[in-house]
C-alpha atoms as a PDB file:
ATOM      1  CA  MET A   1       0.000   0.000   0.000  1.00  0.00           C
ATOM      2  CA  ASN A   2       1.544   3.327  -0.983  1.00  0.00           C
ATOM      3  CA  SER A   3       1.671   6.419   1.266  1.00  0.00           C
ATOM      4  CA  LEU A   4      -1.161   8.236  -0.557  1.00  0.00           C
ATOM      5  CA  GLN A   5      -3.565   5.370   0.006  1.00  0.00           C
ATOM      6  CA  SER A   6      -2.359   5.122   3.583  1.00  0.00           C
ATOM      7  CA  ASN A   7      -3.018   8.834   4.160  1.00  0.00           C
ATOM      8  CA  ASN A   8      -6.486   8.613   2.598  1.00  0.00           C
ATOM      9  CA  SER A   9      -7.470   5.597   4.665  1.00  0.00           C
ATOM     10  CA  ARG A  10      -6.096   7.228   7.809  1.00  0.00           C
ATOM     11  CA  MET A  11      -8.081  10.426   7.053  1.00  0.00           C
ATOM     12  CA  SER A  12     -11.312   8.494   6.779  1.00  0.00           C
ATOM     13  CA  VAL A  13     -10.646   6.615  10.035  1.00  0.00           C
ATOM     14  CA  THR A  14      -9.305   9.405  12.237  1.00  0.00           C
ATOM     15  CA  THR A  15     -11.219  12.492  13.247  1.00  0.00           C
ATOM     16  CA  VAL A  16     -10.404  16.016  12.168  1.00  0.00           C
ATOM     17  CA  GLY A  17      -9.131  16.861  15.640  1.00  0.00           C
ATOM     18  CA  ALA A  18      -6.852  13.820  15.722  1.00  0.00           C
ATOM     19  CA  GLN A  19      -5.371  14.816  12.355  1.00  0.00           C
ATOM     20  CA  LEU A  20      -4.724  18.348  13.603  1.00  0.00           C
ATOM     21  CA  ARG A  21      -3.129  17.113  16.835  1.00  0.00           C
ATOM     22  CA  ALA A  22      -0.925  14.584  14.995  1.00  0.00           C
ATOM     23  CA  ALA A  23       0.270  17.206  12.512  1.00  0.00           C
ATOM     24  CA  ARG A  24       1.032  19.729  15.282  1.00  0.00           C
ATOM     25  CA  GLU A  25       2.944  17.150  17.332  1.00  0.00           C
ATOM     26  CA  ALA A  26       4.832  15.974  14.220  1.00  0.00           C
ATOM     27  CA  LEU A  27       6.092  19.542  13.775  1.00  0.00           C
ATOM     28  CA  GLY A  28       7.060  19.667  17.457  1.00  0.00           C
ATOM     29  CA  LEU A  29       4.844  22.676  18.207  1.00  0.00           C
ATOM     30  CA  SER A  30       2.823  23.413  21.333  1.00  0.00           C
ATOM     31  CA  HIS A  31      -0.617  24.947  21.537  1.00  0.00           C
ATOM     32  CA  ARG A  32       0.983  28.266  22.547  1.00  0.00           C
ATOM     33  CA  ASP A  33       3.236  28.158  19.485  1.00  0.00           C
ATOM     34  CA  MET A  34       0.243  27.567  17.230  1.00  0.00           C
ATOM     35  CA  ALA A  35      -1.748  30.312  18.982  1.00  0.00           C
ATOM     36  CA  GLU A  36       1.036  32.793  18.194  1.00  0.00           C
ATOM     37  CA  ILE A  37       1.252  31.649  14.592  1.00  0.00           C
ATOM     38  CA  THR A  38      -2.474  31.433  13.815  1.00  0.00           C
ATOM     39  CA  LYS A  39      -3.741  34.129  16.229  1.00  0.00           C
ATOM     40  CA  ILE A  40      -6.330  31.579  17.431  1.00  0.00           C
ATOM     41  CA  GLN A  41      -6.694  31.372  21.215  1.00  0.00           C
ATOM     42  CA  VAL A  42      -5.317  28.251  22.931  1.00  0.00           C
ATOM     43  CA  PRO A  43      -8.730  27.074  24.260  1.00  0.00           C
ATOM     44  CA  TYR A  44     -10.123  27.180  20.715  1.00  0.00           C
ATOM     45  CA  LEU A  45      -7.182  25.163  19.386  1.00  0.00           C
ATOM     46  CA  GLU A  46      -7.767  22.600  22.127  1.00  0.00           C
ATOM     47  CA  CYS A  47     -11.461  22.397  21.169  1.00  0.00           C
ATOM     48  CA  LEU A  48     -10.533  21.854  17.523  1.00  0.00           C
ATOM     49  CA  GLU A  49      -8.128  19.040  18.391  1.00  0.00           C
ATOM     50  CA  ALA A  50     -10.697  17.408  20.703  1.00  0.00           C
ATOM     51  CA  ASP A  51     -13.481  17.639  18.072  1.00  0.00           C
ATOM     52  CA  ARG A  52     -15.558  19.804  20.421  1.00  0.00           C
ATOM     53  CA  PHE A  53     -16.764  22.112  17.652  1.00  0.00           C
ATOM     54  CA  GLU A  54     -19.990  22.970  19.500  1.00  0.00           C
ATOM     55  CA  GLU A  55     -17.930  24.798  22.158  1.00  0.00           C
ATOM     56  CA  LEU A  56     -16.543  27.248  19.605  1.00  0.00           C
ATOM     57  CA  PRO A  57     -18.244  30.636  19.100  1.00  0.00           C
ATOM     58  CA  ALA A  58     -20.080  30.037  15.797  1.00  0.00           C
ATOM     59  CA  GLU A  59     -19.928  27.862  12.692  1.00  0.00           C
ATOM     60  CA  VAL A  60     -18.262  30.606  10.671  1.00  0.00           C
ATOM     61  CA  PHE A  61     -15.423  30.733  13.237  1.00  0.00           C
ATOM     62  CA  VAL A  62     -15.067  26.952  13.224  1.00  0.00           C
ATOM     63  CA  ARG A  63     -14.666  26.967   9.448  1.00  0.00           C
ATOM     64  CA  GLY A  64     -12.138  29.799   9.523  1.00  0.00           C
ATOM     65  CA  PHE A  65     -10.179  28.279  12.399  1.00  0.00           C
ATOM     66  CA  LEU A  66     -10.026  24.895  10.657  1.00  0.00           C
ATOM     67  CA  ARG A  67      -8.758  26.360   7.410  1.00  0.00           C
ATOM     68  CA  SER A  68      -6.190  28.578   9.121  1.00  0.00           C
ATOM     69  CA  TYR A  69      -4.975  25.813  11.422  1.00  0.00           C
ATOM     70  CA  ALA A  70      -4.714  23.303   8.564  1.00  0.00           C
ATOM     71  CA  ARG A  71      -2.817  25.812   6.415  1.00  0.00           C
ATOM     72  CA  GLU A  72      -0.249  26.483   9.146  1.00  0.00           C
ATOM     73  CA  LEU A  73       0.159  22.751   9.824  1.00  0.00           C
ATOM     74  CA  ARG A  74       0.764  22.235   6.082  1.00  0.00           C
ATOM     75  CA  LEU A  75      -2.277  19.979   5.730  1.00  0.00           C
ATOM     76  CA  ASP A  76      -4.562  19.923   2.710  1.00  0.00           C
ATOM     77  CA  GLU A  77      -7.189  22.502   3.715  1.00  0.00           C
ATOM     78  CA  GLU A  78      -9.873  21.307   1.318  1.00  0.00           C
ATOM     79  CA  SER A  79      -9.701  17.617   2.184  1.00  0.00           C
ATOM     80  CA  LEU A  80      -9.588  18.393   5.923  1.00  0.00           C
ATOM     81  CA  PHE A  81     -12.564  20.718   5.549  1.00  0.00           C
ATOM     82  CA  GLU A  82     -14.527  18.113   3.573  1.00  0.00           C
ATOM     83  CA  HIS A  83     -13.688  15.565   6.272  1.00  0.00           C
ATOM     84  CA  TYR A  84     -14.999  18.029   8.888  1.00  0.00           C
ATOM     85  CA  LEU A  85     -18.257  18.422   6.935  1.00  0.00           C
ATOM     86  CA  ARG A  86     -18.696  14.647   6.688  1.00  0.00           C
ATOM     87  CA  GLN A  87     -17.800  14.175  10.355  1.00  0.00           C
ATOM     88  CA  THR A  88     -20.367  16.744  11.503  1.00  0.00           C
ATOM     89  CA  GLY A  89     -23.035  15.629   9.013  1.00  0.00           C
ATOM     90  CA  GLN A  90     -22.957  18.863   7.040  1.00  0.00           C
ATOM     91  CA  GLY A  91     -21.463  17.419   3.888  1.00  0.00           C
ATOM     92  CA  ALA A  92     -24.739  16.187   2.412  1.00  0.00           C
ATOM     93  CA  ASN A  93     -25.701  17.134  -1.116  1.00  0.00           C
ATOM     94  CA  PRO A  94     -29.030  19.050  -1.000  1.00  0.00           C
ATOM     95  CA  VAL A  95     -30.010  18.078  -4.572  1.00  0.00           C
ATOM     96  CA  ARG A  96     -29.454  14.388  -3.846  1.00  0.00           C
ATOM     97  CA  GLU A  97     -31.429  14.697  -0.592  1.00  0.00           C
ATOM     98  CA  GLN A  98     -34.361  16.260  -2.469  1.00  0.00           C
ATOM     99  CA  LEU A  99     -34.328  13.482  -5.072  1.00  0.00           C
ATOM    100  CA  GLU A 100     -34.225  10.830  -2.356  1.00  0.00           C
ATOM    101  CA  ALA A 101     -37.110  12.518  -0.546  1.00  0.00           C
ATOM    102  CA  GLY A 102     -39.168  12.582  -3.760  1.00  0.00           C
ATOM    103  CA  ILE A 103     -39.283  16.369  -4.054  1.00  0.00           C
ATOM    104  CA  THR A 104     -39.354  17.372  -7.696  1.00  0.00           C
ATOM    105  CA  SER A 105     -38.257  20.612  -9.284  1.00  0.00           C
ATOM    106  CA  ALA A 106     -41.939  21.435  -9.938  1.00  0.00           C
ATOM    107  CA  ASP A 107     -42.547  21.356  -6.175  1.00  0.00           C
ATOM    108  CA  ASN A 108     -39.583  23.658  -5.657  1.00  0.00           C
ATOM    109  CA  GLU A 109     -40.860  26.072  -8.338  1.00  0.00           C
ATOM    110  CA  THR A 110     -44.318  26.141  -6.756  1.00  0.00           C
ATOM    111  CA  ARG A 111     -42.819  26.848  -3.352  1.00  0.00           C
ATOM    112  CA  ASP A 112     -40.580  29.584  -4.804  1.00  0.00           C
ATOM    113  CA  MET A 113     -43.530  31.198  -6.602  1.00  0.00           C
ATOM    114  CA  ARG A 114     -45.538  31.230  -3.363  1.00  0.00           C
ATOM    115  CA  TYR A 115     -42.745  33.075  -1.595  1.00  0.00           C
ATOM    116  CA  THR A 116     -42.448  35.489  -4.509  1.00  0.00           C
ATOM    117  CA  ARG A 117     -46.176  36.235  -4.366  1.00  0.00           C
ATOM    118  CA  ARG A 118     -45.928  36.925  -0.663  1.00  0.00           C
ATOM    119  CA  SER A 119     -43.078  39.315  -1.180  1.00  0.00           C
ATOM    120  CA  ARG A 120     -44.960  41.145  -3.956  1.00  0.00           C
ATOM    121  CA  ALA A 121     -48.032  41.430  -1.765  1.00  0.00           C
ATOM    122  CA  GLY A 122     -45.865  42.680   1.082  1.00  0.00           C
ATOM    123  CA  LYS A 123     -44.232  45.254  -1.170  1.00  0.00           C
ATOM    124  CA  PHE A 124     -47.655  46.398  -2.388  1.00  0.00           C
ATOM    125  CA  ALA A 125     -48.975  46.742   1.171  1.00  0.00           C
ATOM    126  CA  TYR A 126     -45.829  48.610   2.167  1.00  0.00           C
ATOM    127  CA  GLY A 127     -46.290  51.014  -0.773  1.00  0.00           C
ATOM    128  CA  ILE A 128     -49.958  51.635   0.122  1.00  0.00           C
ATOM    129  CA  GLY A 129     -49.038  52.267   3.760  1.00  0.00           C
ATOM    130  CA  LEU A 130     -46.261  54.649   2.793  1.00  0.00           C
ATOM    131  CA  GLY A 131     -48.574  56.529   0.420  1.00  0.00           C
ATOM    132  CA  LEU A 132     -51.207  56.914   3.135  1.00  0.00           C
ATOM    133  CA  LEU A 133     -48.595  58.220   5.547  1.00  0.00           C
ATOM    134  CA  VAL A 134     -47.421  60.860   3.051  1.00  0.00           C
ATOM    135  CA  LEU A 135     -51.025  61.871   2.377  1.00  0.00           C
ATOM    136  CA  ALA A 136     -51.744  62.201   6.111  1.00  0.00           C
ATOM    137  CA  LEU A 137     -48.658  64.360   6.603  1.00  0.00           C
ATOM    138  CA  ALA A 138     -49.610  66.617   3.680  1.00  0.00           C
ATOM    139  CA  LEU A 139     -53.159  67.065   5.013  1.00  0.00           C
ATOM    140  CA  SER A 140     -51.915  67.857   8.511  1.00  0.00           C
ATOM    141  CA  VAL A 141     -49.579  70.528   7.135  1.00  0.00           C
ATOM    142  CA  LEU A 142     -52.421  72.083   5.153  1.00  0.00           C
ATOM    143  CA  VAL A 143     -54.894  71.997   8.023  1.00  0.00           C
ATOM    144  CA  LEU A 144     -52.587  72.968  10.855  1.00  0.00           C
ATOM    145  CA  GLY A 145     -50.128  75.073   8.867  1.00  0.00           C
ATOM    146  CA  GLY A 146     -52.881  77.295   7.555  1.00  0.00           C
ATOM    147  CA  GLY A 147     -51.571  80.637   6.252  1.00  0.00           C
ATOM    148  CA  SER A 148     -48.818  81.803   4.039  1.00  0.00           C
ATOM    149  CA  GLU A 149     -45.249  82.346   5.119  1.00  0.00           C
ATOM    150  CA  ARG A 150     -45.621  86.133   4.956  1.00  0.00           C
ATOM    151  CA  ASP A 151     -48.593  86.103   7.339  1.00  0.00           C
ATOM    152  CA  MET A 152     -46.768  83.797   9.721  1.00  0.00           C
ATOM    153  CA  ALA A 153     -43.623  85.963   9.667  1.00  0.00           C
ATOM    154  CA  ALA A 154     -45.662  89.102  10.280  1.00  0.00           C
ATOM    155  CA  SER A 155     -47.475  87.556  13.217  1.00  0.00           C
ATOM    156  CA  ASN A 156     -44.151  86.550  14.753  1.00  0.00           C
ATOM    157  CA  TYR A 157     -42.912  90.172  14.733  1.00  0.00           C
ATOM    158  CA  GLY A 158     -46.164  91.838  15.669  1.00  0.00           C
ATOM    159  CA  THR A 159     -46.652  93.745  12.409  1.00  0.00           C
ATOM    160  CA  ASN A 160     -49.344  93.657   9.802  1.00  0.00           C
ATOM    161  CA  ALA A 161     -48.651  91.872   6.601  1.00  0.00           C
ATOM    162  CA  ALA A 162     -49.255  95.112   4.692  1.00  0.00           C
ATOM    163  CA  GLU A 163     -46.530  96.975   6.574  1.00  0.00           C
ATOM    164  CA  THR A 164     -43.078  96.487   5.220  1.00  0.00           C
ATOM    165  CA  TRP A 165     -39.708  97.743   6.250  1.00  0.00           C
ATOM    166  CA  GLN A 166     -38.847 101.230   5.018  1.00  0.00           C
ATOM    167  CA  PRO A 167     -35.480 102.924   5.287  1.00  0.00           C
ATOM    168  CA  ALA A 168     -35.229 105.865   7.677  1.00  0.00           C
ATOM    169  CA  GLY A 169     -35.445 109.301   6.092  1.00  0.00           C
ATOM    170  CA  GLU A 170     -32.652 111.875   6.000  1.00  0.00           C
ATOM    171  CA  SER A 171     -34.259 114.014   8.696  1.00  0.00           C
ATOM    172  CA  SER A 172     -34.509 111.258  11.279  1.00  0.00           C
ATOM    173  CA  SER A 173     -31.848 110.924  13.918  1.00  0.00           C
ATOM    174  CA  ASP A 174     -29.128 108.504  13.216  1.00  0.00           C
ATOM    175  CA  TRP A 175     -26.882 106.788  15.711  1.00  0.00           C
ATOM    176  CA  ARG A 176     -23.850 107.940  13.748  1.00  0.00           C
ATOM    177  CA  SER A 177     -24.752 111.624  13.995  1.00  0.00           C
ATOM    178  CA  ASN A 178     -24.730 111.660  17.827  1.00  0.00           C
ATOM    179  CA  ARG A 179     -20.931 111.623  18.119  1.00  0.00           C
END
């Protein structure tokens, strides 16, 4: 049996964590060393090597940590990641699952059309609601706002709208002439 077949059979038998641990130990590195290299905290590295993926923050972190850790350990990222997906039951093919469950593409199209109709109806209701809100605001401005800007400005300064500002005549006293 050649080394490639041996590696493939070992990958299918061992867990992702065991592969990571073996590769780290083969390089003679500690968890602290790997934490400095990968910038992944030591407790997270320990969780990865113990296959305790549920203790890590979120799936997106698990995926990133696995790829980064595998890269630094000089492992094949893609095959390790595929092994992780199979090990955690996430590696299933959704099209194959649908065929096995007897769901046809016509069922999928019907379901997709139903969701599309709902979104169109929602958009239409949103548009009607927004239009009514704009109409209510316009009516409130007309009813409560009432007069013109000139009348409102005049009422603020206590003058009639007919009175306007006029410059002072030559005969009137001026603040500059009192010096």
